[in-house]
């Protein structure tokens, strides 16, 4: 076995070793249904270039269920997200009907074929509340994901790698009280339960600021605070002087070429940062990007699900000086 193949397998094993936080239903039609040859190719030469339109909250390790509309109307495959979702309007969607190119994309591990789960069965598992029209992705709670996996692998004998892929998500879909949640509950929230940017503000940013500054009587923050450059989501203040600015997104648009000045989200928060002369933070459903005043890139990217007590101090120093 050559070194390239060894590296490929190690990378794939690393991904499936990550406990999935969320489960997502991804939707396609006959144009995107893989042929038997394509399935074999995916499994023998996976190089993380397989992509599908997905949710902006997707993160590495997430469980992905691939559902195909009529005439199939069923889930046929399972995989894992290989990276955070990326926004890329240059990619054409492979579909029978024209689809807007302004899409978020998820790279995924080799597809694992399961016994088809029809729409009616999936809808029943969702308590009857599942409407696919108009949405190309849906969050599936852990109990639903577990039931789909159980029904999908009956009578099948997945390989060791496939069994590692077919894991139930660990993210908590129950959104806790933001005024009372502690670090463990905050870190364990499933990003899929956060469907709106306002929910990221309410359940992620505000508890984070409370936990970071709960012992600092001299530090407060203002929401939707108007400045010359616009209205940032939060401005952190010490003794009534701005010391940090926070902008919130459901998913942060990262630059495809690594140059952060090309990210509209980075551009926006740095306008506020430059206006106030303070460090900045971009926060989405999964991550906290810490950016120094006048910076050209984040100095740190912190993952909420891996957040530690020491990270609270780092955020505090960054935003309060």
C-alpha atoms as a PDB file:
ATOM      1  CA  UNK A   1       0.000   0.000   0.000  1.00  0.00           C
ATOM      2  CA  UNK A   2       1.474   3.361  -1.040  1.00  0.00           C
ATOM      3  CA  UNK A   3       1.943   6.357   1.233  1.00  0.00           C
ATOM      4  CA  UNK A   4      -0.840   8.299  -0.500  1.00  0.00           C
ATOM      5  CA  UNK A   5      -3.324   5.534   0.296  1.00  0.00           C
ATOM      6  CA  UNK A   6      -2.069   5.338   3.886  1.00  0.00           C
ATOM      7  CA  UNK A   7      -2.603   9.074   4.345  1.00  0.00           C
ATOM      8  CA  UNK A   8      -6.065   8.841   2.792  1.00  0.00           C
ATOM      9  CA  UNK A   9      -7.118   6.058   5.107  1.00  0.00           C
ATOM     10  CA  UNK A  10      -5.735   7.823   8.164  1.00  0.00           C
ATOM     11  CA  UNK A  11      -7.594  11.001   7.280  1.00  0.00           C
ATOM     12  CA  UNK A  12     -10.826   9.078   6.734  1.00  0.00           C
ATOM     13  CA  UNK A  13     -10.412   7.196  10.017  1.00  0.00           C
ATOM     14  CA  UNK A  14      -9.789  10.462  11.814  1.00  0.00           C
ATOM     15  CA  UNK A  15     -13.059  11.867  10.512  1.00  0.00           C
ATOM     16  CA  UNK A  16     -15.249   8.895  11.386  1.00  0.00           C
ATOM     17  CA  UNK A  17     -13.605   8.734  14.824  1.00  0.00           C
ATOM     18  CA  UNK A  18     -15.182  12.104  15.645  1.00  0.00           C
ATOM     19  CA  UNK A  19     -18.463  11.650  17.536  1.00  0.00           C
ATOM     20  CA  UNK A  20     -21.126  13.278  15.340  1.00  0.00           C
ATOM     21  CA  UNK A  21     -22.748  16.306  16.966  1.00  0.00           C
ATOM     22  CA  UNK A  22     -25.628  16.761  14.513  1.00  0.00           C
ATOM     23  CA  UNK A  23     -27.546  14.688  11.982  1.00  0.00           C
ATOM     24  CA  UNK A  24     -28.722  16.263   8.743  1.00  0.00           C
ATOM     25  CA  UNK A  25     -31.100  15.235   5.996  1.00  0.00           C
ATOM     26  CA  UNK A  26     -29.605  16.242   2.635  1.00  0.00           C
ATOM     27  CA  UNK A  27     -31.839  16.191  -0.419  1.00  0.00           C
ATOM     28  CA  UNK A  28     -31.151  15.318  -4.039  1.00  0.00           C
ATOM     29  CA  UNK A  29     -32.927  14.127  -7.166  1.00  0.00           C
ATOM     30  CA  UNK A  30     -32.167  11.576  -9.883  1.00  0.00           C
ATOM     31  CA  UNK A  31     -29.415  13.759 -11.350  1.00  0.00           C
ATOM     32  CA  UNK A  32     -27.382  13.361  -8.166  1.00  0.00           C
ATOM     33  CA  UNK A  33     -28.124   9.687  -7.431  1.00  0.00           C
ATOM     34  CA  UNK A  34     -24.769   7.877  -7.679  1.00  0.00           C
ATOM     35  CA  UNK A  35     -24.222   5.015 -10.071  1.00  0.00           C
ATOM     36  CA  UNK A  36     -22.744   1.719  -8.914  1.00  0.00           C
ATOM     37  CA  UNK A  37     -19.453   2.712 -10.543  1.00  0.00           C
ATOM     38  CA  UNK A  38     -19.418   6.037  -8.728  1.00  0.00           C
ATOM     39  CA  UNK A  39     -20.072   4.303  -5.414  1.00  0.00           C
ATOM     40  CA  UNK A  40     -17.109   2.003  -5.982  1.00  0.00           C
ATOM     41  CA  UNK A  41     -14.944   4.966  -6.944  1.00  0.00           C
ATOM     42  CA  UNK A  42     -15.935   6.900  -3.807  1.00  0.00           C
ATOM     43  CA  UNK A  43     -14.916   3.982  -1.607  1.00  0.00           C
ATOM     44  CA  UNK A  44     -11.607   3.236  -3.297  1.00  0.00           C
ATOM     45  CA  UNK A  45     -10.295   6.710  -4.065  1.00  0.00           C
ATOM     46  CA  UNK A  46     -11.902   9.069  -1.564  1.00  0.00           C
ATOM     47  CA  UNK A  47     -10.040  12.374  -1.473  1.00  0.00           C
ATOM     48  CA  UNK A  48     -12.538  14.627   0.354  1.00  0.00           C
ATOM     49  CA  UNK A  49     -13.668  16.235  -2.918  1.00  0.00           C
ATOM     50  CA  UNK A  50     -17.178  14.774  -2.759  1.00  0.00           C
ATOM     51  CA  UNK A  51     -19.553  17.672  -2.059  1.00  0.00           C
ATOM     52  CA  UNK A  52     -23.289  18.165  -1.524  1.00  0.00           C
ATOM     53  CA  UNK A  53     -25.414  21.191  -0.769  1.00  0.00           C
ATOM     54  CA  UNK A  54     -25.820  21.328   2.988  1.00  0.00           C
ATOM     55  CA  UNK A  55     -26.551  23.432   6.066  1.00  0.00           C
ATOM     56  CA  UNK A  56     -24.237  26.261   7.049  1.00  0.00           C
ATOM     57  CA  UNK A  57     -24.075  24.838  10.603  1.00  0.00           C
ATOM     58  CA  UNK A  58     -22.512  21.522   9.481  1.00  0.00           C
ATOM     59  CA  UNK A  59     -19.233  20.601  11.160  1.00  0.00           C
ATOM     60  CA  UNK A  60     -16.676  17.781  10.829  1.00  0.00           C
ATOM     61  CA  UNK A  61     -18.036  14.417  11.900  1.00  0.00           C
ATOM     62  CA  UNK A  62     -21.718  15.304  11.503  1.00  0.00           C
ATOM     63  CA  UNK A  63     -23.958  12.464  10.323  1.00  0.00           C
ATOM     64  CA  UNK A  64     -25.427  12.978   6.852  1.00  0.00           C
ATOM     65  CA  UNK A  65     -28.494  11.166   5.513  1.00  0.00           C
ATOM     66  CA  UNK A  66     -29.008  11.388   1.742  1.00  0.00           C
ATOM     67  CA  UNK A  67     -32.648  11.550   0.724  1.00  0.00           C
ATOM     68  CA  UNK A  68     -33.796  11.440  -2.901  1.00  0.00           C
ATOM     69  CA  UNK A  69     -37.090  12.920  -4.052  1.00  0.00           C
ATOM     70  CA  UNK A  70     -39.606  11.225  -6.372  1.00  0.00           C
ATOM     71  CA  UNK A  71     -39.599   8.673  -7.782  1.00  0.00           C
ATOM     72  CA  UNK A  72     -37.435   7.219  -4.960  1.00  0.00           C
ATOM     73  CA  UNK A  73     -38.755   9.292  -2.019  1.00  0.00           C
ATOM     74  CA  UNK A  74     -36.438   7.623   0.473  1.00  0.00           C
ATOM     75  CA  UNK A  75     -33.136   7.850   2.337  1.00  0.00           C
ATOM     76  CA  UNK A  76     -30.574   5.627   0.596  1.00  0.00           C
ATOM     77  CA  UNK A  77     -27.134   6.550   1.962  1.00  0.00           C
ATOM     78  CA  UNK A  78     -25.312   7.744   5.063  1.00  0.00           C
ATOM     79  CA  UNK A  79     -21.948   9.510   5.354  1.00  0.00           C
ATOM     80  CA  UNK A  80     -20.068  11.895   7.632  1.00  0.00           C
ATOM     81  CA  UNK A  81     -19.229  15.538   7.048  1.00  0.00           C
ATOM     82  CA  UNK A  82     -15.503  15.841   6.403  1.00  0.00           C
ATOM     83  CA  UNK A  83     -15.224  19.582   7.133  1.00  0.00           C
ATOM     84  CA  UNK A  84     -17.171  22.659   8.129  1.00  0.00           C
ATOM     85  CA  UNK A  85     -19.703  23.818   5.542  1.00  0.00           C
ATOM     86  CA  UNK A  86     -18.318  26.263   2.998  1.00  0.00           C
ATOM     87  CA  UNK A  87     -20.194  28.905   1.022  1.00  0.00           C
ATOM     88  CA  UNK A  88     -19.291  28.803  -2.671  1.00  0.00           C
ATOM     89  CA  UNK A  89     -21.485  30.434  -5.338  1.00  0.00           C
ATOM     90  CA  UNK A  90     -19.161  29.325  -8.155  1.00  0.00           C
ATOM     91  CA  UNK A  91     -20.284  25.680  -8.021  1.00  0.00           C
ATOM     92  CA  UNK A  92     -23.168  24.571 -10.190  1.00  0.00           C
ATOM     93  CA  UNK A  93     -25.727  22.374  -8.417  1.00  0.00           C
ATOM     94  CA  UNK A  94     -26.186  18.981 -10.062  1.00  0.00           C
ATOM     95  CA  UNK A  95     -29.995  18.807 -10.275  1.00  0.00           C
ATOM     96  CA  UNK A  96     -32.752  18.235 -12.814  1.00  0.00           C
ATOM     97  CA  UNK A  97     -34.100  21.757 -12.253  1.00  0.00           C
ATOM     98  CA  UNK A  98     -32.077  24.980 -12.090  1.00  0.00           C
ATOM     99  CA  UNK A  99     -30.974  25.714  -8.520  1.00  0.00           C
ATOM    100  CA  UNK A 100     -29.653  28.998  -7.142  1.00  0.00           C
ATOM    101  CA  UNK A 101     -25.850  28.822  -6.968  1.00  0.00           C
ATOM    102  CA  UNK A 102     -25.703  30.685  -3.664  1.00  0.00           C
ATOM    103  CA  UNK A 103     -25.303  27.486  -1.699  1.00  0.00           C
ATOM    104  CA  UNK A 104     -23.362  26.133   1.263  1.00  0.00           C
ATOM    105  CA  UNK A 105     -21.470  22.922   0.505  1.00  0.00           C
ATOM    106  CA  UNK A 106     -20.475  19.988   2.674  1.00  0.00           C
ATOM    107  CA  UNK A 107     -17.675  17.568   1.826  1.00  0.00           C
ATOM    108  CA  UNK A 108     -18.419  14.023   2.925  1.00  0.00           C
ATOM    109  CA  UNK A 109     -16.862  10.624   3.494  1.00  0.00           C
ATOM    110  CA  UNK A 110     -17.653   7.586   1.293  1.00  0.00           C
ATOM    111  CA  UNK A 111     -21.358   6.814   1.131  1.00  0.00           C
ATOM    112  CA  UNK A 112     -22.635   3.871   3.150  1.00  0.00           C
ATOM    113  CA  UNK A 113     -25.669   2.283   1.508  1.00  0.00           C
ATOM    114  CA  UNK A 114     -28.534   1.396   3.834  1.00  0.00           C
ATOM    115  CA  UNK A 115     -31.945  -0.188   3.327  1.00  0.00           C
ATOM    116  CA  UNK A 116     -34.086   2.609   1.826  1.00  0.00           C
ATOM    117  CA  UNK A 117     -36.203   4.416   4.403  1.00  0.00           C
ATOM    118  CA  UNK A 118     -39.355   5.801   2.727  1.00  0.00           C
ATOM    119  CA  UNK A 119     -40.574   9.340   3.329  1.00  0.00           C
ATOM    120  CA  UNK A 120     -43.691   8.199   5.189  1.00  0.00           C
ATOM    121  CA  UNK A 121     -41.564   6.274   7.696  1.00  0.00           C
ATOM    122  CA  UNK A 122     -39.231   9.240   8.157  1.00  0.00           C
ATOM    123  CA  UNK A 123     -42.158  11.602   8.593  1.00  0.00           C
ATOM    124  CA  UNK A 124     -43.617   9.298  11.247  1.00  0.00           C
ATOM    125  CA  UNK A 125     -40.281   9.283  13.111  1.00  0.00           C
ATOM    126  CA  UNK A 126     -40.417  13.095  13.076  1.00  0.00           C
ATOM    127  CA  UNK A 127     -43.824  13.009  14.752  1.00  0.00           C
ATOM    128  CA  UNK A 128     -45.573  13.819  11.490  1.00  0.00           C
ATOM    129  CA  UNK A 129     -43.788  17.172  11.244  1.00  0.00           C
ATOM    130  CA  UNK A 130     -41.622  17.031   8.137  1.00  0.00           C
ATOM    131  CA  UNK A 131     -42.163  19.145   5.034  1.00  0.00           C
ATOM    132  CA  UNK A 132     -39.417  18.802   2.429  1.00  0.00           C
ATOM    133  CA  UNK A 133     -40.689  21.312  -0.114  1.00  0.00           C
ATOM    134  CA  UNK A 134     -38.665  24.507  -0.142  1.00  0.00           C
ATOM    135  CA  UNK A 135     -35.769  23.273   1.990  1.00  0.00           C
ATOM    136  CA  UNK A 136     -32.732  21.311   0.864  1.00  0.00           C
ATOM    137  CA  UNK A 137     -31.546  20.370   4.360  1.00  0.00           C
ATOM    138  CA  UNK A 138     -33.209  19.429   7.642  1.00  0.00           C
ATOM    139  CA  UNK A 139     -31.857  18.832  11.126  1.00  0.00           C
ATOM    140  CA  UNK A 140     -32.723  15.386  12.534  1.00  0.00           C
ATOM    141  CA  UNK A 141     -32.739  14.974  16.347  1.00  0.00           C
ATOM    142  CA  UNK A 142     -30.597  12.145  17.796  1.00  0.00           C
ATOM    143  CA  UNK A 143     -33.577   9.853  18.488  1.00  0.00           C
ATOM    144  CA  UNK A 144     -34.692  10.113  14.866  1.00  0.00           C
ATOM    145  CA  UNK A 145     -31.147   9.517  13.594  1.00  0.00           C
ATOM    146  CA  UNK A 146     -30.866   6.436  15.822  1.00  0.00           C
ATOM    147  CA  UNK A 147     -34.152   5.033  14.498  1.00  0.00           C
ATOM    148  CA  UNK A 148     -33.146   5.624  10.862  1.00  0.00           C
ATOM    149  CA  UNK A 149     -29.828   3.857  11.433  1.00  0.00           C
ATOM    150  CA  UNK A 150     -31.503   0.945  13.201  1.00  0.00           C
ATOM    151  CA  UNK A 151     -34.004   0.405  10.415  1.00  0.00           C
ATOM    152  CA  UNK A 152     -31.460   1.030   7.672  1.00  0.00           C
ATOM    153  CA  UNK A 153     -28.914  -1.611   8.682  1.00  0.00           C
ATOM    154  CA  UNK A 154     -31.321  -4.470   9.418  1.00  0.00           C
ATOM    155  CA  UNK A 155     -30.077  -7.520   7.548  1.00  0.00           C
ATOM    156  CA  UNK A 156     -26.912  -5.759   6.408  1.00  0.00           C
ATOM    157  CA  UNK A 157     -23.332  -6.389   7.471  1.00  0.00           C
ATOM    158  CA  UNK A 158     -21.407  -3.108   7.412  1.00  0.00           C
ATOM    159  CA  UNK A 159     -17.624  -3.112   7.456  1.00  0.00           C
ATOM    160  CA  UNK A 160     -15.688  -1.855  10.462  1.00  0.00           C
ATOM    161  CA  UNK A 161     -15.263   1.551   8.812  1.00  0.00           C
ATOM    162  CA  UNK A 162     -18.960   1.667   7.934  1.00  0.00           C
ATOM    163  CA  UNK A 163     -19.920   0.846  11.514  1.00  0.00           C
ATOM    164  CA  UNK A 164     -17.772   3.763  12.638  1.00  0.00           C
ATOM    165  CA  UNK A 165     -19.666   5.978  10.214  1.00  0.00           C
ATOM    166  CA  UNK A 166     -23.089   4.853  11.473  1.00  0.00           C
ATOM    167  CA  UNK A 167     -22.994   6.564  14.866  1.00  0.00           C
ATOM    168  CA  UNK A 168     -25.774   8.397  16.686  1.00  0.00           C
ATOM    169  CA  UNK A 169     -25.150  12.143  17.222  1.00  0.00           C
ATOM    170  CA  UNK A 170     -24.231  13.340  20.706  1.00  0.00           C
ATOM    171  CA  UNK A 171     -25.348  16.987  20.426  1.00  0.00           C
ATOM    172  CA  UNK A 172     -28.160  18.023  22.769  1.00  0.00           C
ATOM    173  CA  UNK A 173     -31.142  19.273  20.720  1.00  0.00           C
ATOM    174  CA  UNK A 174     -32.784  20.794  23.806  1.00  0.00           C
ATOM    175  CA  UNK A 175     -31.855  24.460  23.995  1.00  0.00           C
ATOM    176  CA  UNK A 176     -31.092  25.358  27.632  1.00  0.00           C
ATOM    177  CA  UNK A 177     -32.079  28.489  29.547  1.00  0.00           C
ATOM    178  CA  UNK A 178     -29.467  31.047  28.419  1.00  0.00           C
ATOM    179  CA  UNK A 179     -29.541  32.790  31.806  1.00  0.00           C
ATOM    180  CA  UNK A 180     -28.668  29.611  33.712  1.00  0.00           C
ATOM    181  CA  UNK A 181     -26.722  27.335  31.369  1.00  0.00           C
ATOM    182  CA  UNK A 182     -23.194  26.462  32.454  1.00  0.00           C
ATOM    183  CA  UNK A 183     -20.193  25.733  30.263  1.00  0.00           C
ATOM    184  CA  UNK A 184     -20.896  22.018  29.746  1.00  0.00           C
ATOM    185  CA  UNK A 185     -24.488  22.525  28.636  1.00  0.00           C
ATOM    186  CA  UNK A 186     -23.509  25.458  26.444  1.00  0.00           C
ATOM    187  CA  UNK A 187     -20.730  23.491  24.747  1.00  0.00           C
ATOM    188  CA  UNK A 188     -22.941  20.428  24.260  1.00  0.00           C
ATOM    189  CA  UNK A 189     -25.748  22.138  22.348  1.00  0.00           C
ATOM    190  CA  UNK A 190     -26.444  20.764  18.891  1.00  0.00           C
ATOM    191  CA  UNK A 191     -25.842  23.447  16.269  1.00  0.00           C
ATOM    192  CA  UNK A 192     -28.692  21.954  14.277  1.00  0.00           C
ATOM    193  CA  UNK A 193     -31.139  23.167  16.918  1.00  0.00           C
ATOM    194  CA  UNK A 194     -30.056  26.728  16.108  1.00  0.00           C
ATOM    195  CA  UNK A 195     -32.017  27.512  12.982  1.00  0.00           C
ATOM    196  CA  UNK A 196     -31.801  31.318  13.070  1.00  0.00           C
ATOM    197  CA  UNK A 197     -29.072  33.897  13.592  1.00  0.00           C
ATOM    198  CA  UNK A 198     -31.119  35.346  16.437  1.00  0.00           C
ATOM    199  CA  UNK A 199     -30.941  31.965  18.196  1.00  0.00           C
ATOM    200  CA  UNK A 200     -27.150  32.037  17.948  1.00  0.00           C
ATOM    201  CA  UNK A 201     -27.267  35.415  19.671  1.00  0.00           C
ATOM    202  CA  UNK A 202     -29.649  34.214  22.379  1.00  0.00           C
ATOM    203  CA  UNK A 203     -28.245  30.745  23.086  1.00  0.00           C
ATOM    204  CA  UNK A 204     -24.563  31.069  22.146  1.00  0.00           C
ATOM    205  CA  UNK A 205     -23.287  34.635  22.380  1.00  0.00           C
ATOM    206  CA  UNK A 206     -25.155  35.970  25.394  1.00  0.00           C
ATOM    207  CA  UNK A 207     -24.412  32.948  27.623  1.00  0.00           C
ATOM    208  CA  UNK A 208     -20.787  33.100  26.444  1.00  0.00           C
ATOM    209  CA  UNK A 209     -20.458  36.758  27.428  1.00  0.00           C
ATOM    210  CA  UNK A 210     -22.141  36.035  30.767  1.00  0.00           C
ATOM    211  CA  UNK A 211     -19.774  33.145  31.526  1.00  0.00           C
ATOM    212  CA  UNK A 212     -16.725  35.115  30.407  1.00  0.00           C
ATOM    213  CA  UNK A 213     -17.471  38.264  32.403  1.00  0.00           C
ATOM    214  CA  UNK A 214     -19.620  37.051  35.309  1.00  0.00           C
ATOM    215  CA  UNK A 215     -16.897  38.046  37.822  1.00  0.00           C
ATOM    216  CA  UNK A 216     -16.019  41.317  36.120  1.00  0.00           C
ATOM    217  CA  UNK A 217     -18.156  44.104  37.586  1.00  0.00           C
ATOM    218  CA  UNK A 218     -16.438  46.661  35.361  1.00  0.00           C
ATOM    219  CA  UNK A 219     -17.371  44.926  32.102  1.00  0.00           C
ATOM    220  CA  UNK A 220     -20.738  44.985  30.368  1.00  0.00           C
ATOM    221  CA  UNK A 221     -21.977  44.803  26.786  1.00  0.00           C
ATOM    222  CA  UNK A 222     -24.535  46.529  24.611  1.00  0.00           C
ATOM    223  CA  UNK A 223     -26.608  44.831  21.949  1.00  0.00           C
ATOM    224  CA  UNK A 224     -27.280  46.393  18.507  1.00  0.00           C
ATOM    225  CA  UNK A 225     -25.126  49.361  19.457  1.00  0.00           C
ATOM    226  CA  UNK A 226     -25.063  52.010  16.728  1.00  0.00           C
ATOM    227  CA  UNK A 227     -21.676  53.426  15.734  1.00  0.00           C
ATOM    228  CA  UNK A 228     -20.497  55.394  12.705  1.00  0.00           C
ATOM    229  CA  UNK A 229     -19.738  52.224  10.713  1.00  0.00           C
ATOM    230  CA  UNK A 230     -23.127  50.611  11.372  1.00  0.00           C
ATOM    231  CA  UNK A 231     -24.822  48.515  14.035  1.00  0.00           C
ATOM    232  CA  UNK A 232     -22.690  45.654  15.384  1.00  0.00           C
ATOM    233  CA  UNK A 233     -24.520  42.887  17.204  1.00  0.00           C
ATOM    234  CA  UNK A 234     -22.607  43.426  20.471  1.00  0.00           C
ATOM    235  CA  UNK A 235     -20.094  45.929  21.781  1.00  0.00           C
ATOM    236  CA  UNK A 236     -18.201  44.944  24.935  1.00  0.00           C
ATOM    237  CA  UNK A 237     -17.460  47.862  27.249  1.00  0.00           C
ATOM    238  CA  UNK A 238     -15.237  48.373  30.286  1.00  0.00           C
ATOM    239  CA  UNK A 239     -16.148  51.384  32.394  1.00  0.00           C
ATOM    240  CA  UNK A 240     -18.324  52.656  29.502  1.00  0.00           C
ATOM    241  CA  UNK A 241     -15.446  52.499  27.003  1.00  0.00           C
ATOM    242  CA  UNK A 242     -15.653  50.063  24.061  1.00  0.00           C
ATOM    243  CA  UNK A 243     -13.049  47.277  24.282  1.00  0.00           C
ATOM    244  CA  UNK A 244     -14.377  44.671  21.838  1.00  0.00           C
ATOM    245  CA  UNK A 245     -16.978  44.070  19.146  1.00  0.00           C
ATOM    246  CA  UNK A 246     -18.877  40.858  18.318  1.00  0.00           C
ATOM    247  CA  UNK A 247     -20.698  40.021  15.097  1.00  0.00           C
ATOM    248  CA  UNK A 248     -22.973  36.957  14.915  1.00  0.00           C
ATOM    249  CA  UNK A 249     -23.681  34.619  11.996  1.00  0.00           C
ATOM    250  CA  UNK A 250     -25.451  31.298  11.637  1.00  0.00           C
ATOM    251  CA  UNK A 251     -22.364  30.177   9.728  1.00  0.00           C
ATOM    252  CA  UNK A 252     -19.270  32.274   9.064  1.00  0.00           C
ATOM    253  CA  UNK A 253     -18.248  32.536   5.415  1.00  0.00           C
ATOM    254  CA  UNK A 254     -14.598  31.509   5.289  1.00  0.00           C
ATOM    255  CA  UNK A 255     -12.386  32.529   2.340  1.00  0.00           C
ATOM    256  CA  UNK A 256     -11.870  29.811  -0.259  1.00  0.00           C
ATOM    257  CA  UNK A 257      -8.310  31.027  -0.937  1.00  0.00           C
ATOM    258  CA  UNK A 258      -7.316  31.617   2.688  1.00  0.00           C
ATOM    259  CA  UNK A 259      -7.316  35.409   2.311  1.00  0.00           C
ATOM    260  CA  UNK A 260      -9.753  36.638   4.941  1.00  0.00           C
ATOM    261  CA  UNK A 261     -10.224  40.058   3.380  1.00  0.00           C
ATOM    262  CA  UNK A 262     -12.359  38.260   0.794  1.00  0.00           C
ATOM    263  CA  UNK A 263     -14.898  37.102   3.395  1.00  0.00           C
ATOM    264  CA  UNK A 264     -17.918  39.453   3.621  1.00  0.00           C
ATOM    265  CA  UNK A 265     -18.391  38.460   7.277  1.00  0.00           C
ATOM    266  CA  UNK A 266     -14.774  39.357   8.067  1.00  0.00           C
ATOM    267  CA  UNK A 267     -15.115  42.626   6.163  1.00  0.00           C
ATOM    268  CA  UNK A 268     -18.235  43.530   8.142  1.00  0.00           C
ATOM    269  CA  UNK A 269     -16.835  42.904  11.622  1.00  0.00           C
ATOM    270  CA  UNK A 270     -13.554  44.639  10.756  1.00  0.00           C
ATOM    271  CA  UNK A 271     -15.428  47.776   9.691  1.00  0.00           C
ATOM    272  CA  UNK A 272     -16.795  47.913  13.215  1.00  0.00           C
ATOM    273  CA  UNK A 273     -13.439  47.004  14.717  1.00  0.00           C
ATOM    274  CA  UNK A 274     -11.604  49.700  12.760  1.00  0.00           C
ATOM    275  CA  UNK A 275     -14.234  52.298  13.643  1.00  0.00           C
ATOM    276  CA  UNK A 276     -13.952  51.571  17.380  1.00  0.00           C
ATOM    277  CA  UNK A 277     -10.246  50.682  17.384  1.00  0.00           C
ATOM    278  CA  UNK A 278     -10.906  47.446  19.295  1.00  0.00           C
ATOM    279  CA  UNK A 279     -10.431  43.672  18.759  1.00  0.00           C
ATOM    280  CA  UNK A 280     -13.257  41.728  17.145  1.00  0.00           C
ATOM    281  CA  UNK A 281     -14.949  38.344  17.336  1.00  0.00           C
ATOM    282  CA  UNK A 282     -17.045  36.523  14.783  1.00  0.00           C
ATOM    283  CA  UNK A 283     -19.331  33.936  16.378  1.00  0.00           C
ATOM    284  CA  UNK A 284     -21.447  31.338  14.607  1.00  0.00           C
ATOM    285  CA  UNK A 285     -23.349  28.249  15.700  1.00  0.00           C
ATOM    286  CA  UNK A 286     -20.107  26.251  16.047  1.00  0.00           C
ATOM    287  CA  UNK A 287     -17.103  28.552  16.359  1.00  0.00           C
ATOM    288  CA  UNK A 288     -15.618  31.717  17.816  1.00  0.00           C
ATOM    289  CA  UNK A 289     -13.131  33.581  15.605  1.00  0.00           C
ATOM    290  CA  UNK A 290     -10.925  35.999  17.565  1.00  0.00           C
ATOM    291  CA  UNK A 291      -9.457  38.817  15.458  1.00  0.00           C
ATOM    292  CA  UNK A 292      -6.991  41.453  16.707  1.00  0.00           C
ATOM    293  CA  UNK A 293      -7.593  45.141  16.034  1.00  0.00           C
ATOM    294  CA  UNK A 294      -6.260  45.868  12.541  1.00  0.00           C
ATOM    295  CA  UNK A 295      -5.827  42.141  11.916  1.00  0.00           C
ATOM    296  CA  UNK A 296      -5.918  40.493   8.508  1.00  0.00           C
ATOM    297  CA  UNK A 297      -6.981  37.062   9.787  1.00  0.00           C
ATOM    298  CA  UNK A 298      -8.277  35.425  12.977  1.00  0.00           C
ATOM    299  CA  UNK A 299      -5.577  34.806  15.568  1.00  0.00           C
ATOM    300  CA  UNK A 300      -7.590  31.923  17.017  1.00  0.00           C
ATOM    301  CA  UNK A 301     -10.552  29.793  15.941  1.00  0.00           C
ATOM    302  CA  UNK A 302     -12.257  28.167  18.917  1.00  0.00           C
ATOM    303  CA  UNK A 303     -14.793  25.335  18.643  1.00  0.00           C
ATOM    304  CA  UNK A 304     -17.752  25.555  20.978  1.00  0.00           C
ATOM    305  CA  UNK A 305     -18.102  21.788  21.438  1.00  0.00           C
ATOM    306  CA  UNK A 306     -14.479  21.604  22.664  1.00  0.00           C
ATOM    307  CA  UNK A 307     -14.581  24.736  24.805  1.00  0.00           C
ATOM    308  CA  UNK A 308     -12.689  24.629  28.109  1.00  0.00           C
ATOM    309  CA  UNK A 309     -12.616  26.909  31.152  1.00  0.00           C
ATOM    310  CA  UNK A 310      -9.239  28.254  30.024  1.00  0.00           C
ATOM    311  CA  UNK A 311     -10.879  29.360  26.759  1.00  0.00           C
ATOM    312  CA  UNK A 312     -13.230  31.631  28.696  1.00  0.00           C
ATOM    313  CA  UNK A 313     -10.216  33.532  30.010  1.00  0.00           C
ATOM    314  CA  UNK A 314      -8.795  33.838  26.490  1.00  0.00           C
ATOM    315  CA  UNK A 315     -12.035  35.321  25.160  1.00  0.00           C
ATOM    316  CA  UNK A 316     -12.202  37.638  28.165  1.00  0.00           C
ATOM    317  CA  UNK A 317      -8.696  38.990  27.612  1.00  0.00           C
ATOM    318  CA  UNK A 318      -9.360  39.446  23.910  1.00  0.00           C
ATOM    319  CA  UNK A 319     -12.610  41.399  24.280  1.00  0.00           C
ATOM    320  CA  UNK A 320     -11.922  43.440  27.426  1.00  0.00           C
ATOM    321  CA  UNK A 321      -8.277  44.407  27.011  1.00  0.00           C
END
